[in-house]
Amino acid sequence: VQEGAQFIQSPKFVASIPGYVFKKDKSGLGYYKDVKPAAVQKGGRPSKADAWAEKKLETMKWKDGPQGLKYRDAVVGTGDLIRKGQQAVMHYTGKLQKNGRQFDSSVGKSPFRFGYGR
């Protein structure tokens, strides 16, 4: 593979090449450098879809909690923020950071409930 080549001509698929996709395009049949598509509106601003996707990805990032707990919201609720003394109700899945092995989950059972701020 030529280092940094945008296109490598090939009459047929031979093998996967990291960082490339095999397809037929403007230059012909072969391996094209895989680049992230950039949808940009006029004026250089990201499209509404890209802005929405970036916001969604940001909410799904892992956050650090107390005593080494790491968590993320797979689905962020749309209701009011919880206040001290209210009941929190949620499903959870616990996985080991070392190997991703699941050790506990409330999915398929009753959701986890607790008094917030007590």
Foldseek 3Di string as FASTA:
>chain_A
DPPPDQWDDDPDDDDDDPQWDFDQDDVGTGTGGDDDDACADPPRHGDPVVVVVVVLVVQQDWDADPPRDIDGDPDDDDDDDDDQFDKDWAWDWDADPVPRHTDDTCVVHGTDIDGPPD
